Protein backbone atom coordinates (compact mmCIF):
# COMPACT_ATOMS: atom_id res chain seq x y z
CA UNK A 1 -0.10 -2.02 -47.98
CA UNK A 2 -3.70 -1.72 -46.41
CA UNK A 3 -2.76 -5.03 -44.50
CA UNK A 4 0.58 -3.87 -43.45
CA UNK A 5 -0.69 -0.87 -41.90
CA UNK A 6 -3.42 -2.77 -40.19
CA UNK A 7 -1.14 -5.36 -38.64
CA UNK A 8 1.64 -2.56 -37.47
CA UNK A 9 -1.64 -0.71 -35.64
CA UNK A 10 -2.56 -4.15 -34.15
CA UNK A 11 0.78 -4.57 -32.80
CA UNK A 12 1.12 -0.98 -31.51
CA UNK A 13 -2.30 -1.73 -29.89
CA UNK A 14 -0.89 -4.89 -28.50
CA UNK A 15 2.03 -3.31 -26.97
CA UNK A 16 0.04 -0.39 -25.62
CA UNK A 17 -2.33 -3.17 -23.82
CA UNK A 18 0.73 -5.38 -22.76
CA UNK A 19 2.20 -2.14 -20.98
CA UNK A 20 -1.02 -1.31 -19.26
CA UNK A 21 -1.31 -4.66 -18.04
CA UNK A 22 1.81 -4.84 -16.72
CA UNK A 23 1.66 -1.32 -15.09
CA UNK A 24 -1.74 -2.69 -13.71
CA UNK A 25 -0.01 -5.31 -11.91
CA UNK A 26 3.30 -3.51 -10.55
CA UNK A 27 1.48 -0.37 -9.52
CA UNK A 28 -0.17 -1.45 -6.75
CA UNK A 29 2.57 -3.71 -5.38
CA UNK A 30 4.99 -0.34 -6.02
CA UNK A 31 2.39 1.84 -3.97
CA UNK A 32 2.23 -1.01 -1.44
CA UNK A 33 6.26 -1.00 -1.21
CA UNK A 34 6.72 2.85 -1.04
CA UNK A 35 3.77 3.42 1.27
CA UNK A 36 5.05 0.17 3.59
CA UNK A 37 8.79 1.67 3.17
CA UNK A 38 7.40 5.05 4.52
CA UNK A 39 5.53 3.77 7.42
CA UNK A 40 8.86 1.76 8.32
CA UNK A 41 11.13 4.42 7.85
CA UNK A 42 9.04 6.80 9.99
CA UNK A 43 8.51 4.41 12.69
CA UNK A 44 12.31 3.46 12.90
CA UNK A 45 12.95 7.46 12.90
CA UNK A 46 10.45 8.02 15.69
CA UNK A 47 11.90 5.01 17.52
CA UNK A 48 15.22 6.50 17.33
CA UNK A 49 14.58 10.15 17.76
CA UNK A 50 11.85 9.65 20.64
CA UNK A 51 12.54 6.70 22.81
CA UNK A 52 9.59 5.52 24.88
């Protein structure tokens, strides 16, 4: 019984670790995409609203 709870805890910690790794890889690219998208959107609006 002790061994089983230990393996369950190890599985949970491995799952959390996997989520952290995946999040660590996805988060920067997501932030970059949102940041780039905002710049593109505001640049487009600026060009349409205020043609120079």
